[in-house]
N, C-alpha and C. Protein backbone atom coordinates (compact mmCIF):
# COMPACT_ATOMS: atom_id res chain seq x y z
N MET A 1 174.60 -126.64 -146.48
CA MET A 1 173.88 -127.84 -146.13
C MET A 1 172.44 -127.78 -146.64
N GLY A 2 171.77 -126.66 -146.52
CA GLY A 2 170.40 -126.54 -146.95
C GLY A 2 170.21 -126.78 -148.43
N SER A 3 171.16 -126.29 -149.23
CA SER A 3 171.07 -126.48 -150.67
C SER A 3 171.20 -127.96 -151.03
N LEU A 4 172.10 -128.66 -150.37
CA LEU A 4 172.27 -130.09 -150.64
C LEU A 4 171.03 -130.87 -150.23
N GLN A 5 170.43 -130.49 -149.10
CA GLN A 5 169.21 -131.16 -148.68
C GLN A 5 168.08 -130.89 -149.66
N ALA A 6 167.97 -129.67 -150.15
CA ALA A 6 166.93 -129.34 -151.12
C ALA A 6 167.12 -130.17 -152.38
N GLN A 7 168.35 -130.33 -152.83
CA GLN A 7 168.62 -131.15 -154.01
C GLN A 7 168.23 -132.60 -153.77
N GLU A 8 168.51 -133.10 -152.56
CA GLU A 8 168.14 -134.48 -152.22
C GLU A 8 166.62 -134.64 -152.17
N PHE A 9 165.94 -133.68 -151.55
CA PHE A 9 164.47 -133.73 -151.51
C PHE A 9 163.90 -133.73 -152.93
N ALA A 10 164.45 -132.86 -153.79
CA ALA A 10 163.98 -132.78 -155.17
C ALA A 10 164.25 -134.08 -155.91
N SER A 11 165.39 -134.71 -155.65
CA SER A 11 165.72 -135.99 -156.29
C SER A 11 164.75 -137.09 -155.87
N LEU A 12 164.43 -137.12 -154.59
CA LEU A 12 163.47 -138.12 -154.09
C LEU A 12 162.10 -137.93 -154.74
N THR A 13 161.72 -136.67 -154.94
CA THR A 13 160.44 -136.37 -155.58
C THR A 13 160.48 -136.77 -157.05
N ALA A 14 161.55 -136.43 -157.74
CA ALA A 14 161.68 -136.77 -159.16
C ALA A 14 161.67 -138.28 -159.37
N ALA A 15 162.23 -139.03 -158.41
CA ALA A 15 162.27 -140.48 -158.51
C ALA A 15 160.93 -141.12 -158.14
N GLY A 16 160.01 -140.32 -157.62
CA GLY A 16 158.70 -140.83 -157.24
C GLY A 16 158.68 -141.48 -155.86
N ASP A 17 159.74 -141.29 -155.10
CA ASP A 17 159.82 -141.89 -153.77
C ASP A 17 159.07 -141.09 -152.71
N VAL A 18 158.94 -139.79 -152.93
CA VAL A 18 158.30 -138.89 -151.96
C VAL A 18 157.49 -137.88 -152.76
N SER A 19 156.33 -137.51 -152.25
CA SER A 19 155.51 -136.52 -152.94
C SER A 19 156.18 -135.14 -152.87
N LEU A 20 155.83 -134.30 -153.82
CA LEU A 20 156.35 -132.93 -153.81
C LEU A 20 155.92 -132.22 -152.53
N GLU A 21 154.70 -132.45 -152.10
CA GLU A 21 154.22 -131.80 -150.87
C GLU A 21 155.07 -132.19 -149.67
N GLN A 22 155.42 -133.48 -149.55
CA GLN A 22 156.23 -133.93 -148.43
C GLN A 22 157.64 -133.37 -148.52
N SER A 23 158.22 -133.38 -149.71
CA SER A 23 159.56 -132.81 -149.89
C SER A 23 159.59 -131.34 -149.51
N LEU A 24 158.58 -130.60 -149.95
CA LEU A 24 158.53 -129.18 -149.62
C LEU A 24 158.32 -128.97 -148.12
N ALA A 25 157.51 -129.81 -147.50
CA ALA A 25 157.31 -129.68 -146.06
C ALA A 25 158.64 -129.85 -145.33
N TRP A 26 159.41 -130.85 -145.70
CA TRP A 26 160.72 -131.05 -145.08
C TRP A 26 161.62 -129.85 -145.34
N HIS A 27 161.66 -129.44 -146.61
CA HIS A 27 162.53 -128.33 -147.01
C HIS A 27 162.17 -127.04 -146.29
N LEU A 28 160.90 -126.69 -146.26
CA LEU A 28 160.48 -125.43 -145.66
C LEU A 28 160.68 -125.42 -144.15
N ARG A 29 160.57 -126.56 -143.51
CA ARG A 29 160.71 -126.63 -142.06
C ARG A 29 162.17 -126.83 -141.63
N ALA A 30 162.94 -127.62 -142.38
CA ALA A 30 164.30 -127.96 -141.96
C ALA A 30 165.37 -127.02 -142.51
N ASN A 31 165.13 -126.43 -143.65
CA ASN A 31 166.17 -125.62 -144.30
C ASN A 31 165.99 -124.13 -144.14
N HIS A 32 165.04 -123.71 -143.34
CA HIS A 32 164.80 -122.29 -143.13
C HIS A 32 164.70 -121.98 -141.64
N TYR A 33 165.25 -120.84 -141.27
CA TYR A 33 165.09 -120.38 -139.90
C TYR A 33 164.67 -118.93 -139.93
N PRO A 34 163.55 -118.61 -139.36
CA PRO A 34 162.63 -119.55 -138.74
C PRO A 34 161.95 -120.42 -139.80
N PRO A 35 161.43 -121.57 -139.38
CA PRO A 35 160.77 -122.45 -140.34
C PRO A 35 159.62 -121.73 -141.06
N VAL A 36 159.46 -122.05 -142.32
CA VAL A 36 158.39 -121.46 -143.13
C VAL A 36 157.09 -122.20 -142.81
N PRO A 37 155.98 -121.49 -142.64
CA PRO A 37 154.70 -122.16 -142.35
C PRO A 37 154.31 -123.12 -143.48
N LEU A 38 153.73 -124.24 -143.09
CA LEU A 38 153.32 -125.23 -144.09
C LEU A 38 152.22 -124.71 -145.01
N SER A 39 151.57 -123.63 -144.62
CA SER A 39 150.56 -123.02 -145.50
C SER A 39 151.19 -122.49 -146.79
N MET A 40 152.52 -122.42 -146.84
CA MET A 40 153.21 -121.94 -148.05
C MET A 40 153.50 -123.06 -149.05
N ILE A 41 153.14 -124.30 -148.72
CA ILE A 41 153.42 -125.41 -149.65
C ILE A 41 152.74 -125.19 -150.99
N GLN A 42 151.45 -124.89 -151.00
CA GLN A 42 150.73 -124.72 -152.28
C GLN A 42 151.25 -123.52 -153.08
N PRO A 43 151.51 -122.37 -152.47
CA PRO A 43 152.11 -121.28 -153.25
C PRO A 43 153.49 -121.67 -153.81
N CYS A 44 154.25 -122.44 -153.05
CA CYS A 44 155.56 -122.89 -153.55
C CYS A 44 155.39 -123.81 -154.74
N ILE A 45 154.41 -124.71 -154.68
CA ILE A 45 154.15 -125.61 -155.81
C ILE A 45 153.77 -124.80 -157.03
N GLN A 46 152.91 -123.80 -156.85
CA GLN A 46 152.52 -122.95 -157.98
C GLN A 46 153.74 -122.22 -158.55
N ALA A 47 154.60 -121.72 -157.70
CA ALA A 47 155.80 -121.02 -158.16
C ALA A 47 156.74 -121.97 -158.90
N ILE A 48 156.87 -123.20 -158.41
CA ILE A 48 157.70 -124.21 -159.10
C ILE A 48 157.12 -124.49 -160.48
N GLU A 49 155.80 -124.65 -160.56
CA GLU A 49 155.16 -124.92 -161.85
C GLU A 49 155.39 -123.76 -162.82
N ILE A 50 155.29 -122.54 -162.34
CA ILE A 50 155.55 -121.37 -163.19
C ILE A 50 157.02 -121.36 -163.62
N GLY A 51 157.93 -121.67 -162.69
CA GLY A 51 159.35 -121.73 -163.03
C GLY A 51 159.63 -122.77 -164.10
N GLN A 52 158.97 -123.92 -164.01
CA GLN A 52 159.13 -124.97 -165.02
C GLN A 52 158.61 -124.49 -166.37
N ARG A 53 157.40 -123.93 -166.36
CA ARG A 53 156.80 -123.44 -167.60
C ARG A 53 157.62 -122.29 -168.20
N TYR A 54 158.25 -121.49 -167.34
CA TYR A 54 159.11 -120.40 -167.81
C TYR A 54 160.26 -120.95 -168.65
N GLN A 55 160.82 -122.07 -168.21
CA GLN A 55 161.92 -122.67 -168.97
C GLN A 55 161.47 -123.12 -170.35
N TRP A 56 160.20 -123.48 -170.49
CA TRP A 56 159.65 -123.90 -171.77
C TRP A 56 159.13 -122.72 -172.58
N GLY A 57 159.18 -121.51 -172.00
CA GLY A 57 158.69 -120.32 -172.68
C GLY A 57 157.19 -120.13 -172.57
N ASP A 58 156.55 -120.84 -171.62
CA ASP A 58 155.09 -120.79 -171.48
C ASP A 58 154.61 -119.96 -170.30
N ALA A 59 155.50 -119.29 -169.60
CA ALA A 59 155.09 -118.51 -168.43
C ALA A 59 156.10 -117.39 -168.21
N ASP A 60 155.74 -116.50 -167.34
CA ASP A 60 156.59 -115.36 -166.98
C ASP A 60 156.83 -115.44 -165.47
N LEU A 61 158.07 -115.27 -165.05
CA LEU A 61 158.37 -115.35 -163.63
C LEU A 61 157.73 -114.23 -162.82
N ASN A 62 157.15 -113.24 -163.50
CA ASN A 62 156.40 -112.20 -162.82
C ASN A 62 154.94 -112.59 -162.61
N ASP A 63 154.53 -113.77 -163.12
CA ASP A 63 153.16 -114.24 -162.88
C ASP A 63 152.94 -114.30 -161.39
N ARG A 64 151.76 -113.87 -160.96
CA ARG A 64 151.45 -113.75 -159.54
C ARG A 64 150.92 -115.07 -158.97
N VAL A 65 151.26 -115.29 -157.72
CA VAL A 65 150.79 -116.46 -156.96
C VAL A 65 150.10 -115.92 -155.71
N ASP A 66 148.87 -116.39 -155.48
CA ASP A 66 148.14 -115.97 -154.27
C ASP A 66 148.80 -116.56 -153.04
N LEU A 67 148.87 -115.77 -152.00
CA LEU A 67 149.47 -116.19 -150.73
C LEU A 67 148.37 -116.59 -149.76
N PRO A 68 148.69 -117.46 -148.79
CA PRO A 68 147.67 -117.86 -147.81
C PRO A 68 147.26 -116.69 -146.91
N ASP A 69 146.12 -116.83 -146.28
CA ASP A 69 145.63 -115.80 -145.36
C ASP A 69 146.69 -115.44 -144.34
N GLY A 70 146.87 -114.16 -144.14
CA GLY A 70 147.82 -113.69 -143.14
C GLY A 70 149.25 -113.55 -143.64
N VAL A 71 149.52 -113.96 -144.87
CA VAL A 71 150.87 -113.84 -145.44
C VAL A 71 150.83 -112.76 -146.51
N LEU A 72 151.72 -111.80 -146.39
CA LEU A 72 151.78 -110.70 -147.35
C LEU A 72 153.19 -110.61 -147.94
N TRP A 73 153.25 -110.14 -149.16
CA TRP A 73 154.53 -109.84 -149.80
C TRP A 73 154.50 -108.36 -150.16
N ARG A 74 155.33 -107.59 -149.50
CA ARG A 74 155.37 -106.14 -149.71
C ARG A 74 153.98 -105.53 -149.61
N GLY A 75 153.21 -106.01 -148.64
CA GLY A 75 151.89 -105.49 -148.39
C GLY A 75 150.80 -106.03 -149.30
N GLU A 76 151.13 -106.97 -150.16
CA GLU A 76 150.16 -107.52 -151.11
C GLU A 76 149.84 -108.97 -150.78
N GLU A 77 148.66 -109.42 -151.21
CA GLU A 77 148.20 -110.78 -150.94
C GLU A 77 148.65 -111.78 -151.99
N SER A 78 149.47 -111.34 -152.93
CA SER A 78 150.07 -112.23 -153.92
C SER A 78 151.51 -111.78 -154.14
N ALA A 79 152.29 -112.67 -154.73
CA ALA A 79 153.70 -112.37 -154.98
C ALA A 79 154.08 -112.92 -156.35
N PRO A 80 155.06 -112.31 -157.00
CA PRO A 80 155.53 -112.89 -158.26
C PRO A 80 156.22 -114.22 -157.98
N ALA A 81 156.13 -115.13 -158.94
CA ALA A 81 156.73 -116.45 -158.78
C ALA A 81 158.21 -116.36 -158.45
N TRP A 82 158.93 -115.45 -159.09
CA TRP A 82 160.38 -115.34 -158.85
C TRP A 82 160.67 -115.05 -157.38
N ALA A 83 159.82 -114.24 -156.73
CA ALA A 83 160.06 -113.89 -155.33
C ALA A 83 159.87 -115.10 -154.42
N ILE A 84 158.89 -115.92 -154.73
CA ILE A 84 158.66 -117.13 -153.93
C ILE A 84 159.79 -118.13 -154.15
N ILE A 85 160.20 -118.29 -155.41
CA ILE A 85 161.31 -119.21 -155.72
C ILE A 85 162.58 -118.76 -155.01
N GLU A 86 162.86 -117.49 -155.07
CA GLU A 86 164.07 -116.96 -154.46
C GLU A 86 164.03 -117.05 -152.93
N ALA A 87 162.95 -116.59 -152.33
CA ALA A 87 162.86 -116.53 -150.87
C ALA A 87 162.82 -117.92 -150.22
N HIS A 88 162.30 -118.91 -150.96
CA HIS A 88 162.16 -120.25 -150.39
C HIS A 88 163.17 -121.24 -150.98
N HIS A 89 164.12 -120.72 -151.73
CA HIS A 89 165.22 -121.54 -152.26
C HIS A 89 164.70 -122.77 -153.00
N LEU A 90 163.86 -122.53 -154.01
CA LEU A 90 163.18 -123.61 -154.71
C LEU A 90 163.85 -124.03 -156.01
N ASP A 91 165.00 -123.46 -156.35
CA ASP A 91 165.66 -123.77 -157.62
C ASP A 91 165.85 -125.27 -157.83
N ALA A 92 166.18 -126.00 -156.78
CA ALA A 92 166.44 -127.44 -156.91
C ALA A 92 165.19 -128.20 -157.37
N PHE A 93 164.01 -127.63 -157.13
CA PHE A 93 162.77 -128.31 -157.48
C PHE A 93 162.31 -128.01 -158.90
N ILE A 94 163.01 -127.12 -159.58
CA ILE A 94 162.65 -126.76 -160.96
C ILE A 94 163.60 -127.52 -161.88
N GLN A 95 163.05 -128.52 -162.56
CA GLN A 95 163.86 -129.35 -163.44
C GLN A 95 164.15 -128.62 -164.74
N SER A 96 165.39 -128.75 -165.18
CA SER A 96 165.72 -128.20 -166.50
C SER A 96 165.35 -129.24 -167.55
N GLU A 97 165.33 -128.82 -168.82
CA GLU A 97 164.98 -129.75 -169.89
C GLU A 97 165.95 -130.92 -169.94
N GLU A 98 167.23 -130.71 -169.60
CA GLU A 98 168.21 -131.78 -169.64
C GLU A 98 167.91 -132.85 -168.60
N GLU A 99 167.25 -132.49 -167.49
CA GLU A 99 167.00 -133.41 -166.40
C GLU A 99 165.80 -134.31 -166.66
N GLU A 100 164.96 -133.92 -167.59
CA GLU A 100 163.73 -134.71 -167.82
C GLU A 100 163.97 -135.90 -168.68
């Protein structure tokens, strides 16, 4: 169910009906237990942007994203984009070249 909702949120964003921030807020709160703090919206957006650029050959999924205060990844204040994409199930928000 969560994957289908993420795809729907991503579709609404791609269609311009809902902002990416709002879609991610819904996704992070409704599709995760426990809900992911909304402070992770901006790091998720950065990870999505890196994931998109990776498909074009302009980025590396190991590029680091700063985490909000109080959030650590393996004891560090930043995480690789792939870890954020994976942990927050963001694949649906990364458009492939065929989708554009």
